[in-house]
PDB file of all heavy atoms in Angstrom:
ATOM      1  N   THR A   1      78.347  73.278  96.547  1.00  0.00           N
ATOM      2  CA  THR A   1      79.113  74.429  97.079  1.00  0.00           C
ATOM      3  C   THR A   1      80.605  74.159  97.001  1.00  0.00           C
ATOM      4  O   THR A   1      81.081  73.097  97.288  1.00  0.00           O
ATOM      5  CB  THR A   1      78.749  74.606  98.547  1.00  0.00           C
ATOM      6  OG1 THR A   1      77.314  75.038  98.736  1.00  0.00           O
ATOM      7  CG2 THR A   1      79.627  75.722  99.250  1.00  0.00           C
ATOM      8  N   ALA A   2      81.402  75.123  96.371  1.00  0.00           N
ATOM      9  CA  ALA A   2      82.780  74.914  96.022  1.00  0.00           C
ATOM     10  C   ALA A   2      83.259  76.168  95.320  1.00  0.00           C
ATOM     11  O   ALA A   2      82.500  77.052  94.961  1.00  0.00           O
ATOM     12  CB  ALA A   2      83.002  73.718  95.240  1.00  0.00           C
ATOM     13  N   VAL A   3      84.514  76.271  95.217  1.00  0.00           N
ATOM     14  CA  VAL A   3      85.164  77.221  94.337  1.00  0.00           C
ATOM     15  C   VAL A   3      85.255  76.609  92.932  1.00  0.00           C
ATOM     16  O   VAL A   3      85.779  75.455  92.934  1.00  0.00           O
ATOM     17  CB  VAL A   3      86.531  77.696  94.818  1.00  0.00           C
ATOM     18  CG1 VAL A   3      87.166  78.689  93.773  1.00  0.00           C
ATOM     19  CG2 VAL A   3      86.434  78.300  96.292  1.00  0.00           C
ATOM     20  N   TYR A   4      84.687  77.251  91.977  1.00  0.00           N
ATOM     21  CA  TYR A   4      84.743  76.712  90.697  1.00  0.00           C
ATOM     22  C   TYR A   4      85.785  77.376  89.807  1.00  0.00           C
ATOM     23  O   TYR A   4      85.919  78.626  89.816  1.00  0.00           O
ATOM     24  CB  TYR A   4      83.293  76.930  90.004  1.00  0.00           C
ATOM     25  CG  TYR A   4      82.301  76.022  90.392  1.00  0.00           C
ATOM     26  CD1 TYR A   4      81.802  76.032  91.865  1.00  0.00           C
ATOM     27  CD2 TYR A   4      81.785  74.945  89.688  1.00  0.00           C
ATOM     28  CE1 TYR A   4      80.864  75.147  92.282  1.00  0.00           C
ATOM     29  CE2 TYR A   4      80.840  74.121  90.096  1.00  0.00           C
ATOM     30  CZ  TYR A   4      80.406  74.183  91.360  1.00  0.00           C
ATOM     31  OH  TYR A   4      79.479  73.236  91.797  1.00  0.00           O
ATOM     32  N   TYR A   5      86.519  76.522  89.092  1.00  0.00           N
ATOM     33  CA  TYR A   5      87.669  77.054  88.221  1.00  0.00           C
ATOM     34  C   TYR A   5      87.425  76.532  86.762  1.00  0.00           C
ATOM     35  O   TYR A   5      87.086  75.466  86.545  1.00  0.00           O
ATOM     36  CB  TYR A   5      88.958  76.332  88.718  1.00  0.00           C
ATOM     37  CG  TYR A   5      89.389  76.602  90.146  1.00  0.00           C
ATOM     38  CD1 TYR A   5      88.910  75.820  91.138  1.00  0.00           C
ATOM     39  CD2 TYR A   5      90.265  77.732  90.451  1.00  0.00           C
ATOM     40  CE1 TYR A   5      89.305  76.076  92.466  1.00  0.00           C
ATOM     41  CE2 TYR A   5      90.613  77.911  91.734  1.00  0.00           C
ATOM     42  CZ  TYR A   5      90.068  77.139  92.738  1.00  0.00           C
ATOM     43  OH  TYR A   5      90.576  77.483  94.043  1.00  0.00           O
ATOM     44  N   CYS A   6      87.726  77.426  85.967  1.00  0.00           N
ATOM     45  CA  CYS A   6      87.882  76.985  84.466  1.00  0.00           C
ATOM     46  C   CYS A   6      89.396  76.803  84.092  1.00  0.00           C
ATOM     47  O   CYS A   6      90.265  77.365  84.780  1.00  0.00           O
ATOM     48  CB  CYS A   6      87.202  77.976  83.591  1.00  0.00           C
ATOM     49  SG  CYS A   6      88.143  79.540  83.334  1.00  0.00           S
ATOM     50  N   ALA A   7      89.559  75.942  83.137  1.00  0.00           N
ATOM     51  CA  ALA A   7      90.872  75.515  82.714  1.00  0.00           C
ATOM     52  C   ALA A   7      90.967  75.408  81.215  1.00  0.00           C
ATOM     53  O   ALA A   7      89.926  75.150  80.607  1.00  0.00           O
ATOM     54  CB  ALA A   7      91.353  74.274  83.435  1.00  0.00           C
ATOM     55  N   ALA A   8      92.142  75.559  80.607  1.00  0.00           N
ATOM     56  CA  ALA A   8      92.274  75.426  79.210  1.00  0.00           C
ATOM     57  C   ALA A   8      93.562  74.544  78.919  1.00  0.00           C
ATOM     58  O   ALA A   8      94.563  74.544  79.581  1.00  0.00           O
ATOM     59  CB  ALA A   8      92.534  76.889  78.558  1.00  0.00           C
ATOM     60  N   ARG A   9      93.355  73.833  77.787  1.00  0.00           N
ATOM     61  CA  ARG A   9      94.481  72.991  77.243  1.00  0.00           C
ATOM     62  C   ARG A   9      94.443  73.149  75.790  1.00  0.00           C
ATOM     63  O   ARG A   9      93.458  72.946  75.050  1.00  0.00           O
ATOM     64  CB  ARG A   9      94.288  71.621  77.636  1.00  0.00           C
ATOM     65  CG  ARG A   9      95.497  70.788  77.078  1.00  0.00           C
ATOM     66  CD  ARG A   9      95.160  69.289  77.263  1.00  0.00           C
ATOM     67  NE  ARG A   9      96.049  68.450  76.503  1.00  0.00           N
ATOM     68  CZ  ARG A   9      97.309  67.945  76.877  1.00  0.00           C
ATOM     69  NH1 ARG A   9      97.735  68.282  78.119  1.00  0.00           N
ATOM     70  NH2 ARG A   9      98.078  67.334  76.116  1.00  0.00           N
ATOM     71  N   GLU A  10      95.649  73.528  75.214  1.00  0.00           N
ATOM     72  CA  GLU A  10      95.724  73.668  73.770  1.00  0.00           C
ATOM     73  C   GLU A  10      95.738  72.216  73.189  1.00  0.00           C
ATOM     74  O   GLU A  10      96.395  71.358  73.761  1.00  0.00           O
ATOM     75  CB  GLU A  10      97.012  74.419  73.279  1.00  0.00           C
ATOM     76  CG  GLU A  10      97.055  74.669  71.891  1.00  0.00           C
ATOM     77  CD  GLU A  10      98.261  75.567  71.656  1.00  0.00           C
ATOM     78  OE1 GLU A  10      98.832  76.115  72.483  1.00  0.00           O
ATOM     79  OE2 GLU A  10      98.438  75.813  70.338  1.00  0.00           O
ATOM     80  N   MET A  11      94.971  71.967  72.119  1.00  0.00           N
ATOM     81  CA  MET A  11      94.752  70.803  71.452  1.00  0.00           C
ATOM     82  C   MET A  11      94.724  70.799  70.058  1.00  0.00           C
ATOM     83  O   MET A  11      94.239  71.777  69.429  1.00  0.00           O
ATOM     84  CB  MET A  11      93.466  70.047  71.992  1.00  0.00           C
ATOM     85  CG  MET A  11      93.516  69.656  73.382  1.00  0.00           C
ATOM     86  SD  MET A  11      92.009  68.675  73.880  1.00  0.00           S
ATOM     87  CE  MET A  11      92.257  67.177  72.936  1.00  0.00           C
ATOM     88  N   ASN A  12      95.270  69.731  69.351  1.00  0.00           N
ATOM     89  CA  ASN A  12      95.093  69.655  67.840  1.00  0.00           C
ATOM     90  C   ASN A  12      93.793  69.163  67.486  1.00  0.00           C
ATOM     91  O   ASN A  12      93.265  69.657  66.480  1.00  0.00           O
ATOM     92  CB  ASN A  12      96.231  68.665  67.401  1.00  0.00           C
ATOM     93  CG  ASN A  12      97.600  69.228  67.526  1.00  0.00           C
ATOM     94  OD1 ASN A  12      97.831  70.385  67.432  1.00  0.00           O
ATOM     95  ND2 ASN A  12      98.619  68.325  67.790  1.00  0.00           N
ATOM     96  N   SER A  13      93.187  68.293  68.280  1.00  0.00           N
ATOM     97  CA  SER A  13      91.829  67.829  67.933  1.00  0.00           C
ATOM     98  C   SER A  13      90.784  68.758  68.110  1.00  0.00           C
ATOM     99  O   SER A  13      90.701  69.445  69.196  1.00  0.00           O
ATOM    100  CB  SER A  13      91.637  66.488  68.725  1.00  0.00           C
ATOM    101  OG  SER A  13      90.224  66.116  68.545  1.00  0.00           O
ATOM    102  N   VAL A  14      89.974  68.963  67.131  1.00  0.00           N
ATOM    103  CA  VAL A  14      88.899  69.959  67.174  1.00  0.00           C
ATOM    104  C   VAL A  14      87.694  69.461  68.111  1.00  0.00           C
ATOM    105  O   VAL A  14      87.042  70.169  68.716  1.00  0.00           O
ATOM    106  CB  VAL A  14      88.321  70.360  65.871  1.00  0.00           C
ATOM    107  CG1 VAL A  14      87.067  71.167  65.882  1.00  0.00           C
ATOM    108  CG2 VAL A  14      89.486  71.069  65.014  1.00  0.00           C
ATOM    109  N   ASN A  15      87.609  68.147  68.143  1.00  0.00           N
ATOM    110  CA  ASN A  15      86.485  67.490  68.872  1.00  0.00           C
ATOM    111  C   ASN A  15      86.778  66.782  70.145  1.00  0.00           C
ATOM    112  O   ASN A  15      85.912  66.144  70.719  1.00  0.00           O
ATOM    113  CB  ASN A  15      85.670  66.598  67.859  1.00  0.00           C
ATOM    114  CG  ASN A  15      85.038  67.286  66.781  1.00  0.00           C
ATOM    115  OD1 ASN A  15      84.408  68.379  66.992  1.00  0.00           O
ATOM    116  ND2 ASN A  15      85.235  66.815  65.461  1.00  0.00           N
ATOM    117  N   GLY A  16      88.106  66.758  70.494  1.00  0.00           N
ATOM    118  CA  GLY A  16      88.432  66.133  71.725  1.00  0.00           C
ATOM    119  C   GLY A  16      88.302  67.038  72.968  1.00  0.00           C
ATOM    120  O   GLY A  16      88.091  68.190  72.818  1.00  0.00           O
ATOM    121  N   TYR A  17      88.150  66.358  74.113  1.00  0.00           N
ATOM    122  CA  TYR A  17      88.009  67.076  75.347  1.00  0.00           C
ATOM    123  C   TYR A  17      88.944  66.440  76.392  1.00  0.00           C
ATOM    124  O   TYR A  17      89.490  65.304  76.177  1.00  0.00           O
ATOM    125  CB  TYR A  17      86.667  67.177  75.865  1.00  0.00           C
ATOM    126  CG  TYR A  17      85.917  65.919  75.909  1.00  0.00           C
ATOM    127  CD1 TYR A  17      86.161  64.980  76.882  1.00  0.00           C
ATOM    128  CD2 TYR A  17      84.945  65.636  74.855  1.00  0.00           C
ATOM    129  CE1 TYR A  17      85.447  63.756  76.833  1.00  0.00           C
ATOM    130  CE2 TYR A  17      84.355  64.381  74.893  1.00  0.00           C
ATOM    131  CZ  TYR A  17      84.510  63.418  75.854  1.00  0.00           C
ATOM    132  OH  TYR A  17      83.860  62.138  75.841  1.00  0.00           O
ATOM    133  N   VAL A  18      89.109  67.059  77.449  1.00  0.00           N
ATOM    134  CA  VAL A  18      90.091  66.712  78.460  1.00  0.00           C
ATOM    135  C   VAL A  18      89.500  66.672  79.863  1.00  0.00           C
ATOM    136  O   VAL A  18      88.705  67.518  80.188  1.00  0.00           O
ATOM    137  CB  VAL A  18      91.323  67.605  78.550  1.00  0.00           C
ATOM    138  CG1 VAL A  18      92.334  67.118  79.560  1.00  0.00           C
ATOM    139  CG2 VAL A  18      92.047  67.776  77.230  1.00  0.00           C
ATOM    140  N   VAL A  19      89.586  65.571  80.476  1.00  0.00           N
ATOM    141  CA  VAL A  19      88.989  65.313  81.829  1.00  0.00           C
ATOM    142  C   VAL A  19      89.888  65.580  83.039  1.00  0.00           C
ATOM    143  O   VAL A  19      89.581  66.209  84.013  1.00  0.00           O
ATOM    144  CB  VAL A  19      88.342  63.939  81.867  1.00  0.00           C
ATOM    145  CG1 VAL A  19      87.731  63.616  83.319  1.00  0.00           C
ATOM    146  CG2 VAL A  19      87.298  63.734  80.754  1.00  0.00           C
ATOM    147  N   GLY A  20      91.041  64.994  83.003  1.00  0.00           N
ATOM    148  CA  GLY A  20      92.010  65.026  84.138  1.00  0.00           C
ATOM    149  C   GLY A  20      92.552  66.450  84.403  1.00  0.00           C
ATOM    150  O   GLY A  20      93.022  67.132  83.538  1.00  0.00           O
ATOM    151  N   PRO A  21      92.456  66.896  85.616  1.00  0.00           N
ATOM    152  CA  PRO A  21      92.987  68.199  86.004  1.00  0.00           C
ATOM    153  C   PRO A  21      94.522  68.397  85.594  1.00  0.00           C
ATOM    154  O   PRO A  21      94.901  69.551  85.244  1.00  0.00           O
ATOM    155  CB  PRO A  21      92.729  68.367  87.495  1.00  0.00           C
ATOM    156  CG  PRO A  21      92.579  67.060  87.959  1.00  0.00           C
ATOM    157  CD  PRO A  21      91.986  66.199  86.868  1.00  0.00           C
ATOM    158  N   GLY A  22      95.230  67.319  85.673  1.00  0.00           N
ATOM    159  CA  GLY A  22      96.728  67.446  85.451  1.00  0.00           C
ATOM    160  C   GLY A  22      97.001  67.671  84.013  1.00  0.00           C
ATOM    161  O   GLY A  22      98.142  68.001  83.707  1.00  0.00           O
ATOM    162  N   ARG A  23      96.022  67.551  83.170  1.00  0.00           N
ATOM    163  CA  ARG A  23      96.264  67.685  81.759  1.00  0.00           C
ATOM    164  C   ARG A  23      95.935  69.138  81.257  1.00  0.00           C
ATOM    165  O   ARG A  23      96.143  69.359  80.081  1.00  0.00           O
ATOM    166  CB  ARG A  23      95.428  66.599  80.964  1.00  0.00           C
ATOM    167  CG  ARG A  23      95.896  65.189  81.297  1.00  0.00           C
ATOM    168  CD  ARG A  23      94.999  64.232  80.495  1.00  0.00           C
ATOM    169  NE  ARG A  23      95.382  64.338  79.040  1.00  0.00           N
ATOM    170  CZ  ARG A  23      94.614  63.808  78.078  1.00  0.00           C
ATOM    171  NH1 ARG A  23      93.517  63.128  78.473  1.00  0.00           N
ATOM    172  NH2 ARG A  23      94.852  63.934  76.866  1.00  0.00           N
ATOM    173  N   TYR A  24      95.506  69.891  82.137  1.00  0.00           N
ATOM    174  CA  TYR A  24      95.234  71.240  81.803  1.00  0.00           C
ATOM    175  C   TYR A  24      96.491  72.243  81.973  1.00  0.00           C
ATOM    176  O   TYR A  24      97.161  71.957  83.001  1.00  0.00           O
ATOM    177  CB  TYR A  24      94.011  71.846  82.540  1.00  0.00           C
ATOM    178  CG  TYR A  24      92.697  71.328  81.879  1.00  0.00           C
ATOM    179  CD1 TYR A  24      92.151  70.208  82.262  1.00  0.00           C
ATOM    180  CD2 TYR A  24      92.113  72.109  80.844  1.00  0.00           C
ATOM    181  CE1 TYR A  24      90.906  69.755  81.766  1.00  0.00           C
ATOM    182  CE2 TYR A  24      90.940  71.637  80.279  1.00  0.00           C
ATOM    183  CZ  TYR A  24      90.392  70.457  80.737  1.00  0.00           C
ATOM    184  OH  TYR A  24      89.132  70.031  80.102  1.00  0.00           O
ATOM    185  N   ASP A  25      96.627  73.188  81.112  1.00  0.00           N
ATOM    186  CA  ASP A  25      97.826  74.010  81.173  1.00  0.00           C
ATOM    187  C   ASP A  25      97.590  75.338  81.836  1.00  0.00           C
ATOM    188  O   ASP A  25      98.494  75.946  82.473  1.00  0.00           O
ATOM    189  CB  ASP A  25      98.323  74.245  79.792  1.00  0.00           C
ATOM    190  CG  ASP A  25      98.724  73.006  79.125  1.00  0.00           C
ATOM    191  OD1 ASP A  25      99.399  72.116  79.703  1.00  0.00           O
ATOM    192  OD2 ASP A  25      98.273  72.812  77.889  1.00  0.00           O
ATOM    193  N   TYR A  26      96.409  75.822  81.757  1.00  0.00           N
ATOM    194  CA  TYR A  26      96.058  77.201  82.276  1.00  0.00           C
ATOM    195  C   TYR A  26      94.799  77.131  83.174  1.00  0.00           C
ATOM    196  O   TYR A  26      93.870  76.330  82.783  1.00  0.00           O
ATOM    197  CB  TYR A  26      95.906  78.138  81.138  1.00  0.00           C
ATOM    198  CG  TYR A  26      97.081  78.264  80.216  1.00  0.00           C
ATOM    199  CD1 TYR A  26      97.086  77.532  79.007  1.00  0.00           C
ATOM    200  CD2 TYR A  26      98.165  78.898  80.550  1.00  0.00           C
ATOM    201  CE1 TYR A  26      98.218  77.578  78.201  1.00  0.00           C
ATOM    202  CE2 TYR A  26      99.304  78.900  79.768  1.00  0.00           C
ATOM    203  CZ  TYR A  26      99.309  78.268  78.546  1.00  0.00           C
ATOM    204  OH  TYR A  26     100.334  78.286  77.751  1.00  0.00           O
ATOM    205  N   TRP A  27      94.803  77.968  84.179  1.00  0.00           N
ATOM    206  CA  TRP A  27      93.791  77.919  85.078  1.00  0.00           C
ATOM    207  C   TRP A  27      93.322  79.407  85.533  1.00  0.00           C
ATOM    208  O   TRP A  27      94.251  80.279  85.522  1.00  0.00           O
ATOM    209  CB  TRP A  27      94.126  77.247  86.367  1.00  0.00           C
ATOM    210  CG  TRP A  27      94.335  75.755  86.328  1.00  0.00           C
ATOM    211  CD1 TRP A  27      95.447  75.164  85.830  1.00  0.00           C
ATOM    212  CD2 TRP A  27      93.415  74.698  86.549  1.00  0.00           C
ATOM    213  NE1 TRP A  27      95.330  73.799  85.753  1.00  0.00           N
ATOM    214  CE2 TRP A  27      94.036  73.546  86.198  1.00  0.00           C
ATOM    215  CE3 TRP A  27      92.008  74.696  87.036  1.00  0.00           C
ATOM    216  CZ2 TRP A  27      93.381  72.285  86.312  1.00  0.00           C
ATOM    217  CZ3 TRP A  27      91.442  73.528  87.149  1.00  0.00           C
ATOM    218  CH2 TRP A  27      92.092  72.248  86.815  1.00  0.00           C
ATOM    219  N   GLY A  28      92.107  79.567  85.750  1.00  0.00           N
ATOM    220  CA  GLY A  28      91.586  80.826  86.278  1.00  0.00           C
ATOM    221  C   GLY A  28      91.768  80.901  87.852  1.00  0.00           C
ATOM    222  O   GLY A  28      92.215  79.893  88.407  1.00  0.00           O
ATOM    223  N   GLN A  29      91.307  82.024  88.372  1.00  0.00           N
ATOM    224  CA  GLN A  29      91.576  82.266  89.801  1.00  0.00           C
ATOM    225  C   GLN A  29      90.427  81.637  90.705  1.00  0.00           C
ATOM    226  O   GLN A  29      90.447  81.420  91.870  1.00  0.00           O
ATOM    227  CB  GLN A  29      91.732  83.687  90.205  1.00  0.00           C
ATOM    228  CG  GLN A  29      90.383  84.452  90.366  1.00  0.00           C
ATOM    229  CD  GLN A  29      89.601  84.642  88.986  1.00  0.00           C
ATOM    230  OE1 GLN A  29      90.155  84.303  87.915  1.00  0.00           O
ATOM    231  NE2 GLN A  29      88.269  85.098  89.098  1.00  0.00           N
ATOM    232  N   GLY A  30      89.367  81.295  90.050  1.00  0.00           N
ATOM    233  CA  GLY A  30      88.193  80.664  90.674  1.00  0.00           C
ATOM    234  C   GLY A  30      87.059  81.604  91.109  1.00  0.00           C
ATOM    235  O   GLY A  30      87.300  82.785  91.300  1.00  0.00           O
ATOM    236  N   THR A  31      85.865  81.101  91.198  1.00  0.00           N
ATOM    237  CA  THR A  31      84.738  81.858  91.665  1.00  0.00           C
ATOM    238  C   THR A  31      83.963  81.013  92.639  1.00  0.00           C
ATOM    239  O   THR A  31      83.646  79.846  92.354  1.00  0.00           O
ATOM    240  CB  THR A  31      83.906  82.368  90.486  1.00  0.00           C
ATOM    241  OG1 THR A  31      82.858  83.232  90.917  1.00  0.00           O
ATOM    242  CG2 THR A  31      83.216  81.237  89.753  1.00  0.00           C
ATOM    243  N   GLN A  32      83.494  81.735  93.712  1.00  0.00           N
ATOM    244  CA  GLN A  32      82.839  80.825  94.782  1.00  0.00           C
ATOM    245  C   GLN A  32      81.383  80.622  94.485  1.00  0.00           C
ATOM    246  O   GLN A  32      80.671  81.630  94.202  1.00  0.00           O
ATOM    247  CB  GLN A  32      83.017  81.609  96.068  1.00  0.00           C
ATOM    248  CG  GLN A  32      82.222  80.985  97.418  1.00  0.00           C
ATOM    249  CD  GLN A  32      82.906  79.652  97.641  1.00  0.00           C
ATOM    250  OE1 GLN A  32      84.094  79.593  97.968  1.00  0.00           O
ATOM    251  NE2 GLN A  32      82.103  78.705  97.890  1.00  0.00           N
ATOM    252  N   VAL A  33      80.943  79.473  94.646  1.00  0.00           N
ATOM    253  CA  VAL A  33      79.498  79.152  94.566  1.00  0.00           C
ATOM    254  C   VAL A  33      79.083  78.515  95.896  1.00  0.00           C
ATOM    255  O   VAL A  33      79.675  77.547  96.309  1.00  0.00           O
ATOM    256  CB  VAL A  33      79.249  78.078  93.380  1.00  0.00           C
ATOM    257  CG1 VAL A  33      77.805  77.645  93.447  1.00  0.00           C
ATOM    258  CG2 VAL A  33      79.548  78.767  92.053  1.00  0.00           C
TER     259      VAL A  33
END
């Protein structure tokens, strides 16, 4: 149970991913679960 948010970060690497919240640039408003 929480508010769930999606986030986006522009990256050069096609196969890389990002874990830390501080490294994301854009966020949605959230949806309650």
